[in-house]
Amino acid sequence: LTITLFLLATTCLIWAGQVQALIRFHCAQLVTERLDPLVTPGVVSPHLHQVIGGVRL
């Protein structure tokens, strides 16, 4: 039983390290920018942000 729990925990940790996330919306995209004022204020961000569907920005 201990070996089984160890193998299960190890497998879960290996899978958790390989997760990538993506959210997809079917609406108009306003802009794609390398801008993140909270994480990297005043410089180019290492990742992208897409503004989608907003009209009052």
PDB file of N, CA and C in Angstrom:
ATOM      1  N   LEU A   1       0.827  -1.204   0.000  1.00  0.00           N
ATOM      2  CA  LEU A   1       0.000   0.000   0.000  1.00  0.00           C
ATOM      3  C   LEU A   1       0.867   1.261   0.000  1.00  0.00           C
ATOM      4  N   THR A   2       1.943   1.265   0.767  1.00  0.00           N
ATOM      5  CA  THR A   2       2.827   2.431   0.830  1.00  0.00           C
ATOM      6  C   THR A   2       3.496   2.683  -0.510  1.00  0.00           C
ATOM      7  N   ILE A   3       3.929   1.612  -1.174  1.00  0.00           N
ATOM      8  CA  ILE A   3       4.545   1.741  -2.495  1.00  0.00           C
ATOM      9  C   ILE A   3       3.534   2.312  -3.486  1.00  0.00           C
ATOM     10  N   THR A   4       2.297   1.848  -3.442  1.00  0.00           N
ATOM     11  CA  THR A   4       1.255   2.324  -4.350  1.00  0.00           C
ATOM     12  C   THR A   4       1.001   3.811  -4.145  1.00  0.00           C
ATOM     13  N   LEU A   5       0.898   4.258  -2.905  1.00  0.00           N
ATOM     14  CA  LEU A   5       0.690   5.678  -2.630  1.00  0.00           C
ATOM     15  C   LEU A   5       1.882   6.511  -3.087  1.00  0.00           C
ATOM     16  N   PHE A   6       3.084   5.988  -2.887  1.00  0.00           N
ATOM     17  CA  PHE A   6       4.285   6.679  -3.338  1.00  0.00           C
ATOM     18  C   PHE A   6       4.291   6.823  -4.856  1.00  0.00           C
ATOM     19  N   LEU A   7       3.973   5.750  -5.563  1.00  0.00           N
ATOM     20  CA  LEU A   7       3.938   5.806  -7.026  1.00  0.00           C
ATOM     21  C   LEU A   7       2.847   6.754  -7.521  1.00  0.00           C
ATOM     22  N   LEU A   8       1.696   6.750  -6.878  1.00  0.00           N
ATOM     23  CA  LEU A   8       0.616   7.655  -7.250  1.00  0.00           C
ATOM     24  C   LEU A   8       1.029   9.109  -7.040  1.00  0.00           C
ATOM     25  N   ALA A   9       1.624   9.406  -5.905  1.00  0.00           N
ATOM     26  CA  ALA A   9       2.069  10.769  -5.615  1.00  0.00           C
ATOM     27  C   ALA A   9       3.153  11.213  -6.590  1.00  0.00           C
ATOM     28  N   THR A  10       4.092  10.344  -6.886  1.00  0.00           N
ATOM     29  CA  THR A  10       5.160  10.662  -7.831  1.00  0.00           C
ATOM     30  C   THR A  10       4.600  10.920  -9.221  1.00  0.00           C
ATOM     31  N   THR A  11       3.681  10.094  -9.664  1.00  0.00           N
ATOM     32  CA  THR A  11       3.058  10.272 -10.976  1.00  0.00           C
ATOM     33  C   THR A  11       2.316  11.599 -11.050  1.00  0.00           C
ATOM     34  N   CYS A  12       1.574  11.942 -10.011  1.00  0.00           N
ATOM     35  CA  CYS A  12       0.836  13.213  -9.990  1.00  0.00           C
ATOM     36  C   CYS A  12       1.786  14.402 -10.047  1.00  0.00           C
ATOM     37  N   LEU A  13       2.897  14.330  -9.334  1.00  0.00           N
ATOM     38  CA  LEU A  13       3.867  15.426  -9.357  1.00  0.00           C
ATOM     39  C   LEU A  13       4.518  15.576 -10.725  1.00  0.00           C
ATOM     40  N   ILE A  14       4.791  14.471 -11.384  1.00  0.00           N
ATOM     41  CA  ILE A  14       5.377  14.530 -12.727  1.00  0.00           C
ATOM     42  C   ILE A  14       4.391  15.162 -13.697  1.00  0.00           C
ATOM     43  N   TRP A  15       3.129  14.752 -13.644  1.00  0.00           N
ATOM     44  CA  TRP A  15       2.110  15.323 -14.532  1.00  0.00           C
ATOM     45  C   TRP A  15       1.883  16.800 -14.240  1.00  0.00           C
ATOM     46  N   ALA A  16       1.901  17.184 -12.983  1.00  0.00           N
ATOM     47  CA  ALA A  16       1.653  18.577 -12.606  1.00  0.00           C
ATOM     48  C   ALA A  16       2.732  19.499 -13.160  1.00  0.00           C
ATOM     49  N   GLY A  17       3.939  19.014 -13.305  1.00  0.00           N
ATOM     50  CA  GLY A  17       5.019  19.823 -13.850  1.00  0.00           C
ATOM     51  C   GLY A  17       4.922  20.036 -15.343  1.00  0.00           C
ATOM     52  N   GLN A  18       4.035  19.323 -16.022  1.00  0.00           N
ATOM     53  CA  GLN A  18       3.929  19.413 -17.471  1.00  0.00           C
ATOM     54  C   GLN A  18       2.638  20.083 -17.929  1.00  0.00           C
ATOM     55  N   VAL A  19       1.930  20.739 -17.033  1.00  0.00           N
ATOM     56  CA  VAL A  19       0.640  21.345 -17.368  1.00  0.00           C
ATOM     57  C   VAL A  19       0.849  22.687 -18.049  1.00  0.00           C
ATOM     58  N   GLN A  20       0.097  22.929 -19.114  1.00  0.00           N
ATOM     59  CA  GLN A  20       0.048  24.228 -19.771  1.00  0.00           C
ATOM     60  C   GLN A  20      -1.412  24.618 -19.900  1.00  0.00           C
ATOM     61  N   ALA A  21      -1.702  25.893 -19.763  1.00  0.00           N
ATOM     62  CA  ALA A  21      -3.096  26.343 -19.770  1.00  0.00           C
ATOM     63  C   ALA A  21      -3.373  27.243 -20.967  1.00  0.00           C
ATOM     64  N   LEU A  22      -4.591  27.173 -21.466  1.00  0.00           N
ATOM     65  CA  LEU A  22      -5.034  28.015 -22.570  1.00  0.00           C
ATOM     66  C   LEU A  22      -6.520  28.263 -22.402  1.00  0.00           C
ATOM     67  N   ILE A  23      -6.913  29.528 -22.507  1.00  0.00           N
ATOM     68  CA  ILE A  23      -8.330  29.888 -22.495  1.00  0.00           C
ATOM     69  C   ILE A  23      -8.646  30.478 -23.860  1.00  0.00           C
ATOM     70  N   ARG A  24      -9.698  30.006 -24.484  1.00  0.00           N
ATOM     71  CA  ARG A  24     -10.045  30.483 -25.824  1.00  0.00           C
ATOM     72  C   ARG A  24     -11.468  31.021 -25.821  1.00  0.00           C
ATOM     73  N   PHE A  25     -11.639  32.231 -26.371  1.00  0.00           N
ATOM     74  CA  PHE A  25     -12.942  32.871 -26.484  1.00  0.00           C
ATOM     75  C   PHE A  25     -13.249  33.113 -27.955  1.00  0.00           C
ATOM     76  N   HIS A  26     -14.513  33.027 -28.333  1.00  0.00           N
ATOM     77  CA  HIS A  26     -14.926  33.282 -29.711  1.00  0.00           C
ATOM     78  C   HIS A  26     -15.572  34.659 -29.792  1.00  0.00           C
ATOM     79  N   CYS A  27     -14.755  35.706 -29.737  1.00  0.00           N
ATOM     80  CA  CYS A  27     -15.242  37.076 -29.879  1.00  0.00           C
ATOM     81  C   CYS A  27     -14.103  37.936 -30.418  1.00  0.00           C
ATOM     82  N   ALA A  28     -14.403  39.199 -30.690  1.00  0.00           N
ATOM     83  CA  ALA A  28     -13.437  40.082 -31.342  1.00  0.00           C
ATOM     84  C   ALA A  28     -12.230  40.366 -30.443  1.00  0.00           C
ATOM     85  N   GLN A  29     -11.058  40.259 -31.029  1.00  0.00           N
ATOM     86  CA  GLN A  29      -9.819  40.566 -30.315  1.00  0.00           C
ATOM     87  C   GLN A  29      -9.467  42.018 -30.582  1.00  0.00           C
ATOM     88  N   LEU A  30      -9.262  42.808 -29.528  1.00  0.00           N
ATOM     89  CA  LEU A  30      -8.927  44.213 -29.692  1.00  0.00           C
ATOM     90  C   LEU A  30      -7.435  44.423 -29.891  1.00  0.00           C
ATOM     91  N   VAL A  31      -6.623  43.744 -29.089  1.00  0.00           N
ATOM     92  CA  VAL A  31      -5.184  43.968 -29.167  1.00  0.00           C
ATOM     93  C   VAL A  31      -4.443  42.786 -28.523  1.00  0.00           C
ATOM     94  N   THR A  32      -3.228  42.535 -29.011  1.00  0.00           N
ATOM     95  CA  THR A  32      -2.304  41.589 -28.386  1.00  0.00           C
ATOM     96  C   THR A  32      -1.043  42.370 -28.051  1.00  0.00           C
ATOM     97  N   GLU A  33      -0.680  42.409 -26.792  1.00  0.00           N
ATOM     98  CA  GLU A  33       0.451  43.233 -26.354  1.00  0.00           C
ATOM     99  C   GLU A  33       1.364  42.464 -25.416  1.00  0.00           C
ATOM    100  N   ARG A  34       2.633  42.801 -25.452  1.00  0.00           N
ATOM    101  CA  ARG A  34       3.604  42.305 -24.470  1.00  0.00           C
ATOM    102  C   ARG A  34       3.700  43.343 -23.355  1.00  0.00           C
ATOM    103  N   LEU A  35       2.589  43.508 -22.642  1.00  0.00           N
ATOM    104  CA  LEU A  35       2.485  44.524 -21.608  1.00  0.00           C
ATOM    105  C   LEU A  35       1.894  43.901 -20.353  1.00  0.00           C
ATOM    106  N   ASP A  36       2.564  44.060 -19.238  1.00  0.00           N
ATOM    107  CA  ASP A  36       2.045  43.587 -17.957  1.00  0.00           C
ATOM    108  C   ASP A  36       2.508  44.559 -16.879  1.00  0.00           C
ATOM    109  N   PRO A  37       1.715  45.611 -16.622  1.00  0.00           N
ATOM    110  CA  PRO A  37       2.149  46.655 -15.688  1.00  0.00           C
ATOM    111  C   PRO A  37       2.293  46.184 -14.241  1.00  0.00           C
ATOM    112  N   LEU A  38       1.707  45.050 -13.885  1.00  0.00           N
ATOM    113  CA  LEU A  38       1.851  44.549 -12.517  1.00  0.00           C
ATOM    114  C   LEU A  38       3.125  43.735 -12.331  1.00  0.00           C
ATOM    115  N   VAL A  39       3.446  42.902 -13.318  1.00  0.00           N
ATOM    116  CA  VAL A  39       4.608  42.014 -13.195  1.00  0.00           C
ATOM    117  C   VAL A  39       5.888  42.700 -13.662  1.00  0.00           C
ATOM    118  N   THR A  40       5.831  43.371 -14.820  1.00  0.00           N
ATOM    119  CA  THR A  40       7.005  44.039 -15.385  1.00  0.00           C
ATOM    120  C   THR A  40       6.638  45.465 -15.783  1.00  0.00           C
ATOM    121  N   PRO A  41       6.472  46.377 -14.824  1.00  0.00           N
ATOM    122  CA  PRO A  41       6.056  47.744 -15.148  1.00  0.00           C
ATOM    123  C   PRO A  41       7.122  48.507 -15.935  1.00  0.00           C
ATOM    124  N   GLY A  42       6.698  49.143 -17.016  1.00  0.00           N
ATOM    125  CA  GLY A  42       7.585  49.999 -17.789  1.00  0.00           C
ATOM    126  C   GLY A  42       8.510  49.300 -18.759  1.00  0.00           C
ATOM    127  N   VAL A  43       8.444  47.972 -18.852  1.00  0.00           N
ATOM    128  CA  VAL A  43       9.296  47.242 -19.797  1.00  0.00           C
ATOM    129  C   VAL A  43       8.459  46.226 -20.567  1.00  0.00           C
ATOM    130  N   VAL A  44       9.046  45.681 -21.615  1.00  0.00           N
ATOM    131  CA  VAL A  44       8.367  44.669 -22.418  1.00  0.00           C
ATOM    132  C   VAL A  44       8.223  43.391 -21.592  1.00  0.00           C
ATOM    133  N   SER A  45       7.037  42.824 -21.601  1.00  0.00           N
ATOM    134  CA  SER A  45       6.752  41.615 -20.824  1.00  0.00           C
ATOM    135  C   SER A  45       7.259  40.373 -21.558  1.00  0.00           C
ATOM    136  N   PRO A  46       7.680  39.340 -20.840  1.00  0.00           N
ATOM    137  CA  PRO A  46       8.120  38.105 -21.495  1.00  0.00           C
ATOM    138  C   PRO A  46       6.961  37.232 -21.980  1.00  0.00           C
ATOM    139  N   HIS A  47       5.721  37.669 -21.740  1.00  0.00           N
ATOM    140  CA  HIS A  47       4.562  36.900 -22.191  1.00  0.00           C
ATOM    141  C   HIS A  47       3.522  37.848 -22.788  1.00  0.00           C
ATOM    142  N   LEU A  48       2.542  37.288 -23.489  1.00  0.00           N
ATOM    143  CA  LEU A  48       1.518  38.079 -24.174  1.00  0.00           C
ATOM    144  C   LEU A  48       0.241  38.183 -23.362  1.00  0.00           C
ATOM    145  N   HIS A  49      -0.453  39.310 -23.541  1.00  0.00           N
ATOM    146  CA  HIS A  49      -1.812  39.475 -23.041  1.00  0.00           C
ATOM    147  C   HIS A  49      -2.679  39.862 -24.225  1.00  0.00           C
ATOM    148  N   GLN A  50      -3.861  39.272 -24.319  1.00  0.00           N
ATOM    149  CA  GLN A  50      -4.815  39.623 -25.364  1.00  0.00           C
ATOM    150  C   GLN A  50      -6.027  40.267 -24.712  1.00  0.00           C
ATOM    151  N   VAL A  51      -6.406  41.445 -25.217  1.00  0.00           N
ATOM    152  CA  VAL A  51      -7.624  42.101 -24.757  1.00  0.00           C
ATOM    153  C   VAL A  51      -8.704  41.727 -25.753  1.00  0.00           C
ATOM    154  N   ILE A  52      -9.753  41.076 -25.245  1.00  0.00           N
ATOM    155  CA  ILE A  52     -10.777  40.506 -26.116  1.00  0.00           C
ATOM    156  C   ILE A  52     -12.148  40.961 -25.665  1.00  0.00           C
ATOM    157  N   GLY A  53     -12.913  41.517 -26.590  1.00  0.00           N
ATOM    158  CA  GLY A  53     -14.319  41.800 -26.345  1.00  0.00           C
ATOM    159  C   GLY A  53     -14.628  42.995 -25.478  1.00  0.00           C
ATOM    160  N   GLY A  54     -13.640  43.741 -25.018  1.00  0.00           N
ATOM    161  CA  GLY A  54     -13.920  44.914 -24.196  1.00  0.00           C
ATOM    162  C   GLY A  54     -14.280  46.118 -25.048  1.00  0.00           C
ATOM    163  N   VAL A  55     -15.191  46.948 -24.565  1.00  0.00           N
ATOM    164  CA  VAL A  55     -15.566  48.150 -25.310  1.00  0.00           C
ATOM    165  C   VAL A  55     -15.373  49.417 -24.479  1.00  0.00           C
ATOM    166  N   ARG A  56     -15.127  49.291 -23.198  1.00  0.00           N
ATOM    167  CA  ARG A  56     -14.993  50.469 -22.338  1.00  0.00           C
ATOM    168  C   ARG A  56     -13.635  50.471 -21.629  1.00  0.00           C
ATOM    169  N   LEU A  57     -12.578  50.368 -22.402  1.00  0.00           N
ATOM    170  CA  LEU A  57     -11.240  50.339 -21.810  1.00  0.00           C
ATOM    171  C   LEU A  57     -10.651  51.723 -21.774  1.00  0.00           C
TER     172      LEU A  57
END
